[in-house]
PDB file of all heavy atoms in Angstrom:
ATOM      1  N   VAL A   1       0.854  -1.157   0.003  1.00  0.00           N
ATOM      2  CA  VAL A   1       0.019   0.011   0.069  1.00  0.00           C
ATOM      3  C   VAL A   1       0.879   1.256  -0.041  1.00  0.00           C
ATOM      4  O   VAL A   1       1.932   1.316   0.744  1.00  0.00           O
ATOM      5  CB  VAL A   1      -0.924  -0.007   1.181  1.00  0.00           C
ATOM      6  CG1 VAL A   1      -1.786   1.233   1.319  1.00  0.00           C
ATOM      7  CG2 VAL A   1      -1.795  -1.222   1.202  1.00  0.00           C
ATOM      8  N   SER A   2       0.519   2.281  -0.774  1.00  0.00           N
ATOM      9  CA  SER A   2       1.265   3.550  -0.818  1.00  0.00           C
ATOM     10  C   SER A   2       1.353   4.252   0.550  1.00  0.00           C
ATOM     11  O   SER A   2       0.520   4.081   1.413  1.00  0.00           O
ATOM     12  CB  SER A   2       0.708   4.419  -1.870  1.00  0.00           C
ATOM     13  OG  SER A   2      -0.504   4.883  -1.464  1.00  0.00           O
ATOM     14  N   LEU A   3       2.388   5.060   0.713  1.00  0.00           N
ATOM     15  CA  LEU A   3       2.568   5.730   1.942  1.00  0.00           C
ATOM     16  C   LEU A   3       1.344   6.668   2.304  1.00  0.00           C
ATOM     17  O   LEU A   3       0.868   6.813   3.429  1.00  0.00           O
ATOM     18  CB  LEU A   3       3.876   6.438   2.048  1.00  0.00           C
ATOM     19  CG  LEU A   3       5.117   5.623   2.146  1.00  0.00           C
ATOM     20  CD1 LEU A   3       6.344   6.460   2.036  1.00  0.00           C
ATOM     21  CD2 LEU A   3       5.119   4.732   3.262  1.00  0.00           C
ATOM     22  N   PRO A   4       0.792   7.506   1.343  1.00  0.00           N
ATOM     23  CA  PRO A   4      -0.334   8.298   1.719  1.00  0.00           C
ATOM     24  C   PRO A   4      -1.609   7.473   2.116  1.00  0.00           C
ATOM     25  O   PRO A   4      -2.339   7.804   2.991  1.00  0.00           O
ATOM     26  CB  PRO A   4      -0.537   9.083   0.394  1.00  0.00           C
ATOM     27  CG  PRO A   4       0.628   9.049  -0.335  1.00  0.00           C
ATOM     28  CD  PRO A   4       1.385   7.777   0.068  1.00  0.00           C
ATOM     29  N   SER A   5      -1.711   6.296   1.498  1.00  0.00           N
ATOM     30  CA  SER A   5      -2.794   5.439   1.887  1.00  0.00           C
ATOM     31  C   SER A   5      -2.583   4.867   3.307  1.00  0.00           C
ATOM     32  O   SER A   5      -3.567   4.770   4.054  1.00  0.00           O
ATOM     33  CB  SER A   5      -2.970   4.272   0.904  1.00  0.00           C
ATOM     34  OG  SER A   5      -3.249   4.815  -0.399  1.00  0.00           O
ATOM     35  N   ILE A   6      -1.335   4.577   3.701  1.00  0.00           N
ATOM     36  CA  ILE A   6      -1.064   4.111   5.001  1.00  0.00           C
ATOM     37  C   ILE A   6      -1.389   5.232   6.050  1.00  0.00           C
ATOM     38  O   ILE A   6      -1.965   4.975   7.096  1.00  0.00           O
ATOM     39  CB  ILE A   6       0.393   3.651   5.130  1.00  0.00           C
ATOM     40  CG1 ILE A   6       0.523   2.351   4.426  1.00  0.00           C
ATOM     41  CG2 ILE A   6       0.748   3.410   6.626  1.00  0.00           C
ATOM     42  CD1 ILE A   6       1.986   1.802   4.330  1.00  0.00           C
ATOM     43  N   GLY A   7      -1.085   6.484   5.647  1.00  0.00           N
ATOM     44  CA  GLY A   7      -1.352   7.655   6.528  1.00  0.00           C
ATOM     45  C   GLY A   7      -2.920   7.749   6.714  1.00  0.00           C
ATOM     46  O   GLY A   7      -3.380   8.041   7.827  1.00  0.00           O
ATOM     47  N   LEU A   8      -3.640   7.470   5.747  1.00  0.00           N
ATOM     48  CA  LEU A   8      -5.110   7.458   5.734  1.00  0.00           C
ATOM     49  C   LEU A   8      -5.568   6.377   6.668  1.00  0.00           C
ATOM     50  O   LEU A   8      -6.409   6.510   7.538  1.00  0.00           O
ATOM     51  CB  LEU A   8      -5.722   7.380   4.425  1.00  0.00           C
ATOM     52  CG  LEU A   8      -7.208   7.366   4.264  1.00  0.00           C
ATOM     53  CD1 LEU A   8      -7.751   8.766   4.825  1.00  0.00           C
ATOM     54  CD2 LEU A   8      -7.754   7.106   2.899  1.00  0.00           C
ATOM     55  N   LEU A   9      -5.001   5.215   6.474  1.00  0.00           N
ATOM     56  CA  LEU A   9      -5.409   4.075   7.407  1.00  0.00           C
ATOM     57  C   LEU A   9      -5.132   4.422   8.905  1.00  0.00           C
ATOM     58  O   LEU A   9      -5.801   4.050   9.784  1.00  0.00           O
ATOM     59  CB  LEU A   9      -4.558   2.844   6.988  1.00  0.00           C
ATOM     60  CG  LEU A   9      -4.973   2.023   5.704  1.00  0.00           C
ATOM     61  CD1 LEU A   9      -4.019   0.888   5.498  1.00  0.00           C
ATOM     62  CD2 LEU A   9      -6.411   1.580   5.900  1.00  0.00           C
ATOM     63  N   ILE A  10      -4.087   5.076   9.163  1.00  0.00           N
ATOM     64  CA  ILE A  10      -3.719   5.453  10.502  1.00  0.00           C
ATOM     65  C   ILE A  10      -4.777   6.510  11.059  1.00  0.00           C
ATOM     66  O   ILE A  10      -5.088   6.403  12.224  1.00  0.00           O
ATOM     67  CB  ILE A  10      -2.299   5.946  10.685  1.00  0.00           C
ATOM     68  CG1 ILE A  10      -1.340   4.827  10.293  1.00  0.00           C
ATOM     69  CG2 ILE A  10      -2.044   6.541  12.016  1.00  0.00           C
ATOM     70  CD1 ILE A  10       0.170   5.249  10.163  1.00  0.00           C
ATOM     71  N   ALA A  11      -5.117   7.420  10.180  1.00  0.00           N
ATOM     72  CA  ALA A  11      -6.058   8.497  10.568  1.00  0.00           C
ATOM     73  C   ALA A  11      -7.523   8.184  10.716  1.00  0.00           C
ATOM     74  O   ALA A  11      -8.208   8.713  11.519  1.00  0.00           O
ATOM     75  CB  ALA A  11      -5.974   9.643   9.661  1.00  0.00           C
ATOM     76  N   ILE A  12      -7.925   7.093  10.075  1.00  0.00           N
ATOM     77  CA  ILE A  12      -9.339   6.786  10.021  1.00  0.00           C
ATOM     78  C   ILE A  12      -9.953   6.541  11.487  1.00  0.00           C
ATOM     79  O   ILE A  12     -10.968   7.153  11.823  1.00  0.00           O
ATOM     80  CB  ILE A  12      -9.609   5.507   9.128  1.00  0.00           C
ATOM     81  CG1 ILE A  12      -9.478   5.905   7.690  1.00  0.00           C
ATOM     82  CG2 ILE A  12     -11.021   4.911   9.323  1.00  0.00           C
ATOM     83  CD1 ILE A  12      -9.533   4.765   6.647  1.00  0.00           C
ATOM     84  N   PRO A  13      -9.342   5.687  12.294  1.00  0.00           N
ATOM     85  CA  PRO A  13     -10.022   5.417  13.609  1.00  0.00           C
ATOM     86  C   PRO A  13     -10.047   6.730  14.481  1.00  0.00           C
ATOM     87  O   PRO A  13     -11.096   6.957  15.133  1.00  0.00           O
ATOM     88  CB  PRO A  13      -9.164   4.360  14.217  1.00  0.00           C
ATOM     89  CG  PRO A  13      -8.208   3.869  13.212  1.00  0.00           C
ATOM     90  CD  PRO A  13      -8.238   4.770  12.151  1.00  0.00           C
ATOM     91  N   GLY A  14      -8.979   7.478  14.500  1.00  0.00           N
ATOM     92  CA  GLY A  14      -8.966   8.653  15.265  1.00  0.00           C
ATOM     93  C   GLY A  14      -9.909   9.705  14.850  1.00  0.00           C
ATOM     94  O   GLY A  14     -10.711  10.324  15.718  1.00  0.00           O
ATOM     95  N   PHE A  15     -10.019   9.868  13.538  1.00  0.00           N
ATOM     96  CA  PHE A  15     -11.087  10.925  12.981  1.00  0.00           C
ATOM     97  C   PHE A  15     -12.420  10.394  13.250  1.00  0.00           C
ATOM     98  O   PHE A  15     -13.259  11.201  13.615  1.00  0.00           O
ATOM     99  CB  PHE A  15     -10.763  11.026  11.523  1.00  0.00           C
ATOM    100  CG  PHE A  15     -11.674  12.003  10.823  1.00  0.00           C
ATOM    101  CD1 PHE A  15     -11.502  13.390  11.144  1.00  0.00           C
ATOM    102  CD2 PHE A  15     -12.682  11.692  10.061  1.00  0.00           C
ATOM    103  CE1 PHE A  15     -12.350  14.345  10.605  1.00  0.00           C
ATOM    104  CE2 PHE A  15     -13.591  12.608   9.475  1.00  0.00           C
ATOM    105  CZ  PHE A  15     -13.355  13.985   9.753  1.00  0.00           C
ATOM    106  N   LEU A  16     -12.657   9.199  13.094  1.00  0.00           N
ATOM    107  CA  LEU A  16     -14.023   8.607  13.351  1.00  0.00           C
ATOM    108  C   LEU A  16     -14.407   8.737  14.683  1.00  0.00           C
ATOM    109  O   LEU A  16     -15.519   8.974  15.120  1.00  0.00           O
ATOM    110  CB  LEU A  16     -14.013   7.198  12.783  1.00  0.00           C
ATOM    111  CG  LEU A  16     -15.452   6.456  12.736  1.00  0.00           C
ATOM    112  CD1 LEU A  16     -16.350   7.201  11.798  1.00  0.00           C
ATOM    113  CD2 LEU A  16     -15.325   5.053  12.313  1.00  0.00           C
ATOM    114  N   GLN A  17     -13.373   8.479  15.620  1.00  0.00           N
ATOM    115  CA  GLN A  17     -13.723   8.568  17.091  1.00  0.00           C
ATOM    116  C   GLN A  17     -14.126   9.992  17.480  1.00  0.00           C
ATOM    117  O   GLN A  17     -14.987  10.157  18.225  1.00  0.00           O
ATOM    118  CB  GLN A  17     -12.495   8.130  17.871  1.00  0.00           C
ATOM    119  CG  GLN A  17     -12.679   8.194  19.340  1.00  0.00           C
ATOM    120  CD  GLN A  17     -11.475   7.778  20.117  1.00  0.00           C
ATOM    121  OE1 GLN A  17     -10.474   7.392  19.561  1.00  0.00           O
ATOM    122  NE2 GLN A  17     -11.588   7.973  21.437  1.00  0.00           N
ATOM    123  N   LEU A  18     -13.333  10.918  16.815  1.00  0.00           N
ATOM    124  CA  LEU A  18     -13.695  12.374  17.106  1.00  0.00           C
ATOM    125  C   LEU A  18     -15.118  12.704  16.687  1.00  0.00           C
ATOM    126  O   LEU A  18     -15.840  13.440  17.259  1.00  0.00           O
ATOM    127  CB  LEU A  18     -12.684  13.331  16.485  1.00  0.00           C
ATOM    128  CG  LEU A  18     -11.350  13.418  17.152  1.00  0.00           C
ATOM    129  CD1 LEU A  18     -10.430  14.212  16.311  1.00  0.00           C
ATOM    130  CD2 LEU A  18     -11.511  13.957  18.467  1.00  0.00           C
ATOM    131  N   CYS A  19     -15.473  12.221  15.484  1.00  0.00           N
ATOM    132  CA  CYS A  19     -16.794  12.588  14.875  1.00  0.00           C
ATOM    133  C   CYS A  19     -17.935  11.881  15.563  1.00  0.00           C
ATOM    134  O   CYS A  19     -19.027  12.518  15.539  1.00  0.00           O
ATOM    135  CB  CYS A  19     -16.719  12.194  13.390  1.00  0.00           C
ATOM    136  SG  CYS A  19     -15.544  13.223  12.447  1.00  0.00           S
ATOM    137  N   ILE A  20     -17.851  10.718  16.076  1.00  0.00           N
ATOM    138  CA  ILE A  20     -18.924   9.924  16.514  1.00  0.00           C
ATOM    139  C   ILE A  20     -19.119   9.834  18.009  1.00  0.00           C
ATOM    140  O   ILE A  20     -20.015   9.278  18.539  1.00  0.00           O
ATOM    141  CB  ILE A  20     -18.888   8.567  15.856  1.00  0.00           C
ATOM    142  CG1 ILE A  20     -20.281   7.932  15.915  1.00  0.00           C
ATOM    143  CG2 ILE A  20     -17.887   7.603  16.496  1.00  0.00           C
ATOM    144  CD1 ILE A  20     -20.366   6.760  14.916  1.00  0.00           C
ATOM    145  N   THR A  21     -18.175  10.444  18.832  1.00  0.00           N
ATOM    146  CA  THR A  21     -18.145  10.200  20.168  1.00  0.00           C
ATOM    147  C   THR A  21     -19.377  10.847  20.817  1.00  0.00           C
ATOM    148  O   THR A  21     -19.958  10.265  21.791  1.00  0.00           O
ATOM    149  CB  THR A  21     -16.807  10.913  20.879  1.00  0.00           C
ATOM    150  OG1 THR A  21     -15.737  10.208  20.381  1.00  0.00           O
ATOM    151  CG2 THR A  21     -16.947  10.726  22.345  1.00  0.00           C
ATOM    152  N   LEU A  22     -19.893  11.988  20.328  1.00  0.00           N
ATOM    153  CA  LEU A  22     -21.055  12.541  20.906  1.00  0.00           C
ATOM    154  C   LEU A  22     -22.279  11.725  20.757  1.00  0.00           C
ATOM    155  O   LEU A  22     -23.123  11.641  21.581  1.00  0.00           O
ATOM    156  CB  LEU A  22     -21.305  14.068  20.336  1.00  0.00           C
ATOM    157  CG  LEU A  22     -20.234  15.049  20.712  1.00  0.00           C
ATOM    158  CD1 LEU A  22     -20.500  16.383  19.998  1.00  0.00           C
ATOM    159  CD2 LEU A  22     -20.308  15.257  22.261  1.00  0.00           C
ATOM    160  N   ILE A  23     -22.352  11.089  19.501  1.00  0.00           N
ATOM    161  CA  ILE A  23     -23.529  10.191  19.201  1.00  0.00           C
ATOM    162  C   ILE A  23     -23.384   8.979  20.164  1.00  0.00           C
ATOM    163  O   ILE A  23     -24.461   8.498  20.729  1.00  0.00           O
ATOM    164  CB  ILE A  23     -23.398   9.757  17.809  1.00  0.00           C
ATOM    165  CG1 ILE A  23     -23.683  11.058  16.927  1.00  0.00           C
ATOM    166  CG2 ILE A  23     -24.477   8.690  17.449  1.00  0.00           C
ATOM    167  CD1 ILE A  23     -23.327  10.768  15.358  1.00  0.00           C
ATOM    168  N   CYS A  24     -22.183   8.444  20.377  1.00  0.00           N
ATOM    169  CA  CYS A  24     -22.014   7.309  21.236  1.00  0.00           C
ATOM    170  C   CYS A  24     -22.368   7.659  22.679  1.00  0.00           C
ATOM    171  O   CYS A  24     -22.996   6.815  23.425  1.00  0.00           O
ATOM    172  CB  CYS A  24     -20.476   6.864  21.139  1.00  0.00           C
ATOM    173  SG  CYS A  24     -20.069   6.052  19.674  1.00  0.00           S
ATOM    174  N   GLY A  25     -22.079   8.909  23.095  1.00  0.00           N
ATOM    175  CA  GLY A  25     -22.444   9.330  24.446  1.00  0.00           C
ATOM    176  C   GLY A  25     -23.910   9.257  24.705  1.00  0.00           C
ATOM    177  O   GLY A  25     -24.404   8.767  25.706  1.00  0.00           O
ATOM    178  N   GLY A  26     -24.738   9.757  23.682  1.00  0.00           N
ATOM    179  CA  GLY A  26     -26.162   9.597  23.780  1.00  0.00           C
ATOM    180  C   GLY A  26     -26.668   8.193  23.835  1.00  0.00           C
ATOM    181  O   GLY A  26     -27.493   7.818  24.588  1.00  0.00           O
ATOM    182  N   LEU A  27     -26.000   7.348  22.981  1.00  0.00           N
ATOM    183  CA  LEU A  27     -26.467   6.007  22.984  1.00  0.00           C
ATOM    184  C   LEU A  27     -26.058   5.258  24.255  1.00  0.00           C
ATOM    185  O   LEU A  27     -26.909   4.399  24.733  1.00  0.00           O
ATOM    186  CB  LEU A  27     -25.728   5.301  21.734  1.00  0.00           C
ATOM    187  CG  LEU A  27     -26.241   5.712  20.428  1.00  0.00           C
ATOM    188  CD1 LEU A  27     -25.464   5.054  19.249  1.00  0.00           C
ATOM    189  CD2 LEU A  27     -27.777   5.347  20.224  1.00  0.00           C
ATOM    190  N   ILE A  28     -25.014   5.513  24.788  1.00  0.00           N
ATOM    191  CA  ILE A  28     -24.534   4.939  26.046  1.00  0.00           C
ATOM    192  C   ILE A  28     -25.508   5.292  27.210  1.00  0.00           C
ATOM    193  O   ILE A  28     -25.831   4.540  28.092  1.00  0.00           O
ATOM    194  CB  ILE A  28     -23.085   5.219  26.425  1.00  0.00           C
ATOM    195  CG1 ILE A  28     -22.122   4.638  25.280  1.00  0.00           C
ATOM    196  CG2 ILE A  28     -22.707   4.682  27.821  1.00  0.00           C
ATOM    197  CD1 ILE A  28     -22.308   3.137  25.152  1.00  0.00           C
ATOM    198  N   ASP A  29     -25.898   6.607  27.206  1.00  0.00           N
ATOM    199  CA  ASP A  29     -26.849   7.094  28.210  1.00  0.00           C
ATOM    200  C   ASP A  29     -28.087   6.263  28.038  1.00  0.00           C
ATOM    201  O   ASP A  29     -28.792   5.986  29.058  1.00  0.00           O
ATOM    202  CB  ASP A  29     -27.110   8.540  28.119  1.00  0.00           C
ATOM    203  CG  ASP A  29     -25.987   9.441  28.727  1.00  0.00           C
ATOM    204  OD1 ASP A  29     -25.267   8.801  29.512  1.00  0.00           O
ATOM    205  OD2 ASP A  29     -25.922  10.592  28.440  1.00  0.00           O
ATOM    206  N   LYS A  30     -28.528   5.964  26.841  1.00  0.00           N
ATOM    207  CA  LYS A  30     -29.760   5.402  26.592  1.00  0.00           C
ATOM    208  C   LYS A  30     -29.667   3.896  26.968  1.00  0.00           C
ATOM    209  O   LYS A  30     -30.562   3.261  27.488  1.00  0.00           O
ATOM    210  CB  LYS A  30     -30.188   5.567  25.252  1.00  0.00           C
ATOM    211  CG  LYS A  30     -31.614   5.130  24.813  1.00  0.00           C
ATOM    212  CD  LYS A  30     -31.955   5.492  23.388  1.00  0.00           C
ATOM    213  CE  LYS A  30     -33.358   5.030  22.969  1.00  0.00           C
ATOM    214  NZ  LYS A  30     -33.669   5.490  21.633  1.00  0.00           N
ATOM    215  N   TRP A  31     -28.666   3.250  26.465  1.00  0.00           N
ATOM    216  CA  TRP A  31     -28.446   1.694  26.501  1.00  0.00           C
ATOM    217  C   TRP A  31     -27.699   1.212  27.678  1.00  0.00           C
ATOM    218  O   TRP A  31     -27.874   0.080  28.082  1.00  0.00           O
ATOM    219  CB  TRP A  31     -27.820   1.225  25.255  1.00  0.00           C
ATOM    220  CG  TRP A  31     -28.583   1.411  24.012  1.00  0.00           C
ATOM    221  CD1 TRP A  31     -29.865   1.692  23.866  1.00  0.00           C
ATOM    222  CD2 TRP A  31     -28.076   1.489  22.650  1.00  0.00           C
ATOM    223  NE1 TRP A  31     -30.326   1.828  22.620  1.00  0.00           N
ATOM    224  CE2 TRP A  31     -29.160   1.686  21.821  1.00  0.00           C
ATOM    225  CE3 TRP A  31     -26.771   1.367  22.102  1.00  0.00           C
ATOM    226  CZ2 TRP A  31     -28.976   1.837  20.466  1.00  0.00           C
ATOM    227  CZ3 TRP A  31     -26.640   1.436  20.754  1.00  0.00           C
ATOM    228  CH2 TRP A  31     -27.745   1.721  19.902  1.00  0.00           C
ATOM    229  N   GLY A  32     -26.829   2.043  28.269  1.00  0.00           N
ATOM    230  CA  GLY A  32     -26.057   1.591  29.376  1.00  0.00           C
ATOM    231  C   GLY A  32     -24.563   1.235  28.966  1.00  0.00           C
ATOM    232  O   GLY A  32     -24.374   0.976  27.822  1.00  0.00           O
ATOM    233  N   GLU A  33     -23.655   1.254  29.875  1.00  0.00           N
ATOM    234  CA  GLU A  33     -22.279   0.965  29.632  1.00  0.00           C
ATOM    235  C   GLU A  33     -22.026  -0.418  29.292  1.00  0.00           C
ATOM    236  O   GLU A  33     -21.120  -0.732  28.365  1.00  0.00           O
ATOM    237  CB  GLU A  33     -21.387   1.263  30.940  1.00  0.00           C
ATOM    238  CG  GLU A  33     -21.393   2.758  31.260  1.00  0.00           C
ATOM    239  CD  GLU A  33     -22.507   3.157  32.236  1.00  0.00           C
ATOM    240  OE1 GLU A  33     -23.303   2.270  32.672  1.00  0.00           O
ATOM    241  OE2 GLU A  33     -22.581   4.328  32.471  1.00  0.00           O
ATOM    242  N   LYS A  34     -22.803  -1.434  29.737  1.00  0.00           N
ATOM    243  CA  LYS A  34     -22.609  -2.812  29.460  1.00  0.00           C
ATOM    244  C   LYS A  34     -22.800  -3.009  27.948  1.00  0.00           C
ATOM    245  O   LYS A  34     -22.003  -3.659  27.286  1.00  0.00           O
ATOM    246  CB  LYS A  34     -23.451  -3.663  30.270  1.00  0.00           C
ATOM    247  CG  LYS A  34     -23.319  -5.176  30.055  1.00  0.00           C
ATOM    248  CD  LYS A  34     -24.140  -5.959  30.988  1.00  0.00           C
ATOM    249  CE  LYS A  34     -23.938  -7.411  30.752  1.00  0.00           C
ATOM    250  NZ  LYS A  34     -24.706  -8.254  31.637  1.00  0.00           N
ATOM    251  N   THR A  35     -23.779  -2.507  27.446  1.00  0.00           N
ATOM    252  CA  THR A  35     -24.046  -2.485  25.989  1.00  0.00           C
ATOM    253  C   THR A  35     -22.928  -1.849  25.162  1.00  0.00           C
ATOM    254  O   THR A  35     -22.487  -2.349  24.126  1.00  0.00           O
ATOM    255  CB  THR A  35     -25.413  -1.877  25.585  1.00  0.00           C
ATOM    256  OG1 THR A  35     -26.390  -2.501  26.396  1.00  0.00           O
ATOM    257  CG2 THR A  35     -25.712  -2.036  24.125  1.00  0.00           C
ATOM    258  N   GLY A  36     -22.455  -0.789  25.729  1.00  0.00           N
ATOM    259  CA  GLY A  36     -21.277  -0.109  25.027  1.00  0.00           C
ATOM    260  C   GLY A  36     -20.076  -0.915  25.010  1.00  0.00           C
ATOM    261  O   GLY A  36     -19.320  -0.995  23.973  1.00  0.00           O
ATOM    262  N   TYR A  37     -19.766  -1.693  26.131  1.00  0.00           N
ATOM    263  CA  TYR A  37     -18.635  -2.551  26.140  1.00  0.00           C
ATOM    264  C   TYR A  37     -18.861  -3.777  25.176  1.00  0.00           C
ATOM    265  O   TYR A  37     -17.943  -4.196  24.487  1.00  0.00           O
ATOM    266  CB  TYR A  37     -18.414  -3.140  27.524  1.00  0.00           C
ATOM    267  CG  TYR A  37     -17.723  -2.094  28.479  1.00  0.00           C
ATOM    268  CD1 TYR A  37     -18.200  -1.994  29.786  1.00  0.00           C
ATOM    269  CD2 TYR A  37     -16.691  -1.382  28.054  1.00  0.00           C
ATOM    270  CE1 TYR A  37     -17.610  -1.114  30.599  1.00  0.00           C
ATOM    271  CE2 TYR A  37     -16.068  -0.426  28.898  1.00  0.00           C
ATOM    272  CZ  TYR A  37     -16.573  -0.239  30.241  1.00  0.00           C
ATOM    273  OH  TYR A  37     -15.972   0.555  31.052  1.00  0.00           O
ATOM    274  N   LEU A  38     -20.019  -4.229  25.052  1.00  0.00           N
ATOM    275  CA  LEU A  38     -20.392  -5.311  24.082  1.00  0.00           C
ATOM    276  C   LEU A  38     -20.227  -4.832  22.704  1.00  0.00           C
ATOM    277  O   LEU A  38     -19.638  -5.565  21.846  1.00  0.00           O
ATOM    278  CB  LEU A  38     -21.774  -5.837  24.366  1.00  0.00           C
ATOM    279  CG  LEU A  38     -22.020  -6.669  25.605  1.00  0.00           C
ATOM    280  CD1 LEU A  38     -23.527  -7.003  25.739  1.00  0.00           C
ATOM    281  CD2 LEU A  38     -21.196  -8.001  25.604  1.00  0.00           C
ATOM    282  N   LEU A  39     -20.598  -3.649  22.355  1.00  0.00           N
ATOM    283  CA  LEU A  39     -20.352  -3.009  21.032  1.00  0.00           C
ATOM    284  C   LEU A  39     -18.908  -2.867  20.825  1.00  0.00           C
ATOM    285  O   LEU A  39     -18.407  -3.143  19.650  1.00  0.00           O
ATOM    286  CB  LEU A  39     -21.137  -1.745  20.879  1.00  0.00           C
ATOM    287  CG  LEU A  39     -22.650  -1.891  20.751  1.00  0.00           C
ATOM    288  CD1 LEU A  39     -23.310  -0.496  20.818  1.00  0.00           C
ATOM    289  CD2 LEU A  39     -23.019  -2.548  19.451  1.00  0.00           C
ATOM    290  N   THR A  40     -18.222  -2.363  21.812  1.00  0.00           N
ATOM    291  CA  THR A  40     -16.739  -2.241  21.566  1.00  0.00           C
ATOM    292  C   THR A  40     -16.097  -3.530  21.185  1.00  0.00           C
ATOM    293  O   THR A  40     -15.368  -3.532  20.199  1.00  0.00           O
ATOM    294  CB  THR A  40     -16.172  -1.819  22.909  1.00  0.00           C
ATOM    295  OG1 THR A  40     -16.599  -0.512  23.305  1.00  0.00           O
ATOM    296  CG2 THR A  40     -14.644  -1.816  22.878  1.00  0.00           C
TER     297      THR A  40
END
């Protein structure tokens, strides 16, 4: 895989985590921490 693509692979989880954490917070409040750990 090319080096720019490897950089993209490294960035995907962190960027996604930043974007979706607020949504996950609402879901964890609704479903509970145990469900969050199971999803993890």
